[in-house]
Protein backbone atom coordinates (compact mmCIF):
# COMPACT_ATOMS: atom_id res chain seq x y z
CA UNK A 1 27.26 224.70 79.31
CA UNK A 2 29.15 225.01 76.04
CA UNK A 3 27.31 222.45 74.83
CA UNK A 4 23.91 223.69 75.80
CA UNK A 5 21.22 225.05 74.25
CA UNK A 6 19.40 228.10 75.39
CA UNK A 7 16.45 229.19 73.57
CA UNK A 8 14.63 231.85 75.10
CA UNK A 9 10.66 231.59 74.22
CA UNK A 10 8.95 235.38 73.70
CA UNK A 11 5.95 237.06 72.70
CA UNK A 12 5.08 240.98 72.38
CA UNK A 13 1.88 240.49 74.75
CA UNK A 14 0.38 237.89 76.53
CA UNK A 15 -2.38 235.40 75.20
CA UNK A 16 0.07 234.47 72.49
CA UNK A 17 0.47 230.11 73.85
CA UNK A 18 3.87 231.30 75.15
CA UNK A 19 4.04 229.09 78.24
CA UNK A 20 1.78 226.06 77.07
CA UNK A 21 4.56 226.01 74.23
CA UNK A 22 7.54 226.06 76.81
CA UNK A 23 5.52 223.72 78.90
CA UNK A 24 4.68 221.04 76.01
CA UNK A 25 8.14 221.23 74.46
CA UNK A 26 9.92 220.81 78.05
CA UNK A 27 7.81 217.59 78.06
CA UNK A 28 8.43 216.68 74.30
CA UNK A 29 12.42 217.24 74.22
CA UNK A 30 11.81 214.98 77.74
CA UNK A 31 10.31 212.03 76.36
CA UNK A 32 13.08 212.03 73.44
CA UNK A 33 15.56 211.50 76.03
CA UNK A 34 16.78 215.26 76.02
CA UNK A 35 17.98 216.61 79.50
CA UNK A 36 15.76 219.84 80.10
CA UNK A 37 15.91 222.91 82.12
CA UNK A 38 12.83 225.19 82.00
CA UNK A 39 12.87 228.40 83.35
CA UNK A 40 10.27 230.75 84.55
CA UNK A 41 10.96 234.30 84.09
CA UNK A 42 7.56 235.55 84.20
CA UNK A 43 6.58 236.75 87.84
CA UNK A 44 2.74 235.91 87.17
CA UNK A 45 3.95 232.37 87.50
CA UNK A 46 1.91 230.87 84.96
CA UNK A 47 4.89 227.64 83.47
CA UNK A 48 5.35 227.03 87.51
CA UNK A 49 1.87 226.08 88.16
CA UNK A 50 1.40 224.43 85.01
CA UNK A 51 4.11 221.77 86.36
CA UNK A 52 2.55 221.68 89.39
CA UNK A 53 5.20 223.34 91.59
CA UNK A 54 3.48 224.63 95.28
CA UNK A 55 3.06 228.45 95.18
CA UNK A 56 5.55 228.33 98.31
CA UNK A 57 8.36 226.76 96.34
CA UNK A 58 11.61 228.54 97.09
CA UNK A 59 14.20 229.51 96.27
CA UNK A 60 13.05 231.00 92.94
CA UNK A 61 14.67 232.90 90.13
CA UNK A 62 14.21 235.71 91.80
CA UNK A 63 16.43 234.89 94.31
CA UNK A 64 18.95 233.74 91.76
CA UNK A 65 18.65 237.21 90.16
CA UNK A 66 19.34 238.85 93.28
CA UNK A 67 22.23 236.56 94.44
CA UNK A 68 20.70 234.84 97.49
CA UNK A 69 20.45 231.62 95.82
CA UNK A 70 22.42 229.44 93.06
CA UNK A 71 20.68 228.27 89.78
CA UNK A 72 21.56 224.61 91.48
CA UNK A 73 19.63 225.83 94.58
CA UNK A 74 16.66 227.32 92.73
CA UNK A 75 16.10 223.69 90.40
CA UNK A 76 12.26 221.89 91.60
CA UNK A 77 12.11 219.25 89.25
CA UNK A 78 13.94 220.34 86.24
CA UNK A 79 11.98 223.99 86.67
CA UNK A 80 13.63 227.22 88.18
CA UNK A 81 10.15 228.77 89.60
CA UNK A 82 8.94 231.80 89.34
CA UNK A 83 6.51 234.10 91.66
CA UNK A 84 5.24 237.71 92.51
CA UNK A 85 8.59 238.57 93.93
CA UNK A 86 10.42 238.37 90.87
CA UNK A 87 8.38 241.75 89.83
CA UNK A 88 10.74 243.23 92.56
CA UNK A 89 13.62 241.43 91.77
CA UNK A 90 13.36 243.24 88.23
CA UNK A 91 13.19 246.50 90.20
CA UNK A 92 16.03 245.51 91.73
CA UNK A 93 17.81 244.43 89.13
CA UNK A 94 17.27 247.95 87.33
CA UNK A 95 19.86 249.95 89.19
CA UNK A 96 22.42 247.20 89.06
CA UNK A 97 25.25 247.49 87.06
CA UNK A 98 26.06 244.67 84.33
CA UNK A 99 21.84 244.25 84.77
CA UNK A 100 21.07 242.66 81.13
CA UNK A 101 23.94 240.04 82.13
CA UNK A 102 22.60 239.16 85.60
CA UNK A 103 20.99 235.66 83.94
CA UNK A 104 23.39 234.75 81.83
CA UNK A 105 25.96 235.18 84.44
CA UNK A 106 23.78 232.82 86.85
CA UNK A 107 23.00 229.79 84.23
CA UNK A 108 26.87 229.80 83.65
CA UNK A 109 26.79 228.17 87.22
CA UNK A 110 23.73 225.80 86.21
CA UNK A 111 24.75 222.00 86.38
CA UNK A 112 25.77 220.94 83.25
CA UNK A 113 23.84 218.04 82.17
CA UNK A 114 21.32 219.96 81.10
CA UNK A 115 21.27 219.88 77.01
CA UNK A 116 18.88 222.24 76.38
CA UNK A 117 17.43 225.32 78.43
CA UNK A 118 13.83 227.07 77.80
CA UNK A 119 13.33 230.28 78.52
CA UNK A 120 9.56 231.78 79.61
CA UNK A 121 9.78 235.57 78.99
CA UNK A 122 7.33 237.71 80.47
CA UNK A 123 4.63 238.87 77.86
CA UNK A 124 6.81 242.54 77.57
CA UNK A 125 10.06 243.63 76.44
CA UNK A 126 11.36 244.94 79.41
CA UNK A 127 14.23 243.96 81.68
CA UNK A 128 13.66 240.47 82.05
CA UNK A 129 13.25 239.47 78.73
CA UNK A 130 16.49 241.24 77.72
CA UNK A 131 18.24 239.34 80.48
CA UNK A 132 16.33 235.95 78.65
CA UNK A 133 17.70 237.35 75.44
CA UNK A 134 21.43 237.70 76.43
CA UNK A 135 21.92 234.74 78.31
CA UNK A 136 20.23 233.01 75.09
CA UNK A 137 21.73 231.40 72.03
CA UNK A 138 18.52 231.80 70.35
CA UNK A 139 15.03 233.01 70.33
CA UNK A 140 11.98 231.68 69.42
CA UNK A 141 9.11 234.08 69.06
CA UNK A 142 5.42 233.23 69.50
CA UNK A 143 2.51 234.99 67.68
CA UNK A 144 -1.49 234.46 68.12
CA UNK A 145 -3.27 234.46 64.71
CA UNK A 146 -4.98 237.85 64.83
CA UNK A 147 -4.69 241.02 63.06
CA UNK A 148 -1.80 242.97 64.86
CA UNK A 149 -0.08 239.76 65.08
CA UNK A 150 2.51 240.97 62.45
CA UNK A 151 3.19 244.18 64.34
CA UNK A 152 3.86 242.24 67.80
CA UNK A 153 6.65 239.77 66.07
CA UNK A 154 7.89 242.77 64.50
CA UNK A 155 8.37 244.15 67.91
CA UNK A 156 9.57 241.33 69.47
CA UNK A 157 12.41 241.14 66.69
CA UNK A 158 13.42 244.61 67.12
CA UNK A 159 14.10 243.68 70.58
CA UNK A 160 15.92 240.65 69.40
CA UNK A 161 18.25 242.49 67.43
CA UNK A 162 19.26 245.02 69.97
CA UNK A 163 20.44 242.56 72.38
CA UNK A 164 22.35 240.68 69.62
CA UNK A 165 23.78 243.96 68.26
CA UNK A 166 24.87 245.20 71.97
CA UNK A 167 25.23 242.24 74.33
CA UNK A 168 24.93 239.26 72.49
CA UNK A 169 26.40 238.73 69.63
CA UNK A 170 26.02 234.82 69.72
CA UNK A 171 22.13 235.04 69.94
CA UNK A 172 19.80 234.02 66.51
CA UNK A 173 16.48 233.62 65.58
CA UNK A 174 15.34 230.31 66.01
CA UNK A 175 12.06 231.09 64.29
CA UNK A 176 8.86 232.36 64.45
CA UNK A 177 6.27 229.93 65.83
CA UNK A 178 1.70 230.91 64.71
CA UNK A 179 -0.16 229.82 67.68
CA UNK A 180 -3.67 229.61 68.29
CA UNK A 181 -4.79 229.50 64.75
CA UNK A 182 -8.32 228.48 63.20
CA UNK A 183 -6.88 227.72 59.86
CA UNK A 184 -10.91 227.25 58.56
CA UNK A 185 -11.05 231.15 59.37
CA UNK A 186 -9.51 233.48 56.89
CA UNK A 187 -8.29 235.81 59.65
CA UNK A 188 -5.74 232.95 60.79
CA UNK A 189 -5.43 232.21 56.72
CA UNK A 190 -4.12 235.52 56.31
CA UNK A 191 -1.91 235.90 59.79
CA UNK A 192 0.18 233.20 58.30
CA UNK A 193 0.02 234.67 54.81
CA UNK A 194 1.43 238.16 56.37
CA UNK A 195 4.05 236.33 58.47
CA UNK A 196 5.67 234.00 55.91
CA UNK A 197 5.63 237.26 53.38
CA UNK A 198 7.47 238.75 56.14
CA UNK A 199 9.76 236.32 57.33
CA UNK A 200 10.06 233.51 54.73
CA UNK A 201 11.48 230.13 56.21
CA UNK A 202 11.70 231.68 60.24
CA UNK A 203 8.00 231.06 60.38
CA UNK A 204 8.00 226.77 62.00
CA UNK A 205 5.67 225.33 58.92
CA UNK A 206 3.55 224.03 62.35
CA UNK A 207 1.02 225.72 63.22
CA UNK A 208 -0.32 225.00 66.50
CA UNK A 209 -4.53 224.90 66.73
CA UNK A 210 -6.43 227.28 68.92
CA UNK A 211 -8.62 225.06 71.92
CA UNK A 212 -9.79 225.34 75.22
CA UNK A 213 -8.23 222.29 76.04
CA UNK A 214 -4.86 224.02 76.48
CA UNK A 215 -6.27 226.29 79.42
CA UNK A 216 -7.76 222.75 81.02
CA UNK A 217 -4.57 220.99 80.64
CA UNK A 218 -2.63 224.03 82.40
CA UNK A 219 -5.75 224.05 85.57
CA UNK A 220 -5.14 220.35 85.62
CA UNK A 221 -1.73 220.74 85.20
CA UNK A 222 -0.78 217.92 83.22
CA UNK A 223 0.76 218.08 79.59
CA UNK A 224 -1.19 218.27 76.63
CA UNK A 225 0.87 215.16 75.11
CA UNK A 226 -1.25 213.62 77.52
CA UNK A 227 -4.42 215.78 78.31
CA UNK A 228 -4.99 215.48 74.22
CA UNK A 229 -2.36 213.93 72.58
CA UNK A 230 -4.52 214.87 69.54
CA UNK A 231 -3.56 218.53 70.10
CA UNK A 232 -0.31 217.17 71.38
CA UNK A 233 0.39 216.02 67.66
CA UNK A 234 1.16 220.22 66.87
CA UNK A 235 3.70 220.47 69.62
CA UNK A 236 5.78 216.70 68.68
CA UNK A 237 6.08 218.63 65.20
CA UNK A 238 7.21 221.66 66.51
CA UNK A 239 9.26 219.90 68.72
CA UNK A 240 10.35 218.22 65.32
CA UNK A 241 11.33 221.28 63.81
CA UNK A 242 12.91 223.02 66.62
CA UNK A 243 15.37 219.81 66.70
CA UNK A 244 16.20 220.09 63.30
CA UNK A 245 17.12 223.61 63.54
CA UNK A 246 19.25 222.94 66.36
CA UNK A 247 23.07 221.32 65.75
CA UNK A 248 23.57 217.73 67.02
CA UNK A 249 20.75 216.38 68.24
CA UNK A 250 19.60 213.94 65.55
CA UNK A 251 19.28 210.81 67.77
CA UNK A 252 16.75 213.46 69.95
CA UNK A 253 14.74 214.07 67.07
CA UNK A 254 14.79 210.13 65.69
CA UNK A 255 13.32 209.36 69.21
CA UNK A 256 10.56 212.05 68.98
CA UNK A 257 9.56 210.46 65.43
CA UNK A 258 8.79 207.58 67.43
CA UNK A 259 6.19 209.30 69.35
CA UNK A 260 4.67 210.93 67.61
C-alpha cells in the first residue's frame, strides 16, 4: 500500500461533523475516480449506518483488530464497518504487546487497489484513535465553531504529535477544518479567526456550513452531495483542497472541479 494516502479524521469530542466529513469526502473522491476505502473506527458505527450497511454486517473492524478476520474479508462496498463489538475489541487490545500498531499491520494486508483510505476515528483520543494515527500518513482535525474549538484542536494536535514522535514519524497534519459553522454569527467568525491565528495555513480555506440537512441525509443514508447539492458544494471545495495537499492526485482534482 505504498502509494496509498491514508488519512485519519479525528476530533477531540463528538458533534463536530467528523463522520459527515468522512462520508462526503469518500463520495467526492469516488466521484473523481479515486478508489477510496472508508474505515469506521467508532464503536457507535455511525459511518456504517450512513453508508446504509445492515447492523448485523460481518466481519467488522473489531474482528480485524482481534485477528479473527482479514481486512479483505471485512470490506463491504468499500467500507470496513464497525458496531458496538469494537468497544470490546478495544479493551482486548489494551493488554496486547504492540497494541498501537494493530491497525497499521492489518491495513498493510489490504487489497492494493485503493488510492485513498479514510479512517473515521471515535470522538475521543484513546487507543483506537492512536491506532488510526499510527496507520495513517496524514491527520485531518475537525473543529466545531464554538467557544472551545481552539482548545479541542490543540488537544487533538497533542495526540497527533505524540503518535508522530513515538510511533509514526511519517505522520503529518493534513489540515484543520472548521465544521458546522454559521459565518453570519460573531461566534463562528471568532472561532475561525482564533484557529487561523494559531494554525495559519494549516486551516482549510473551506468552512462547512451548519445545517439540519446533514442529520437528514444521515437518517436517509444518502450522501449530502445528492440530498442537498448546494451544501455539498462545501465538501467538494474541501475535497479539492485535500487533493491539492496530497501528492500525485492532480488528475482526480481536475475531475473534481468538473463536478463542482
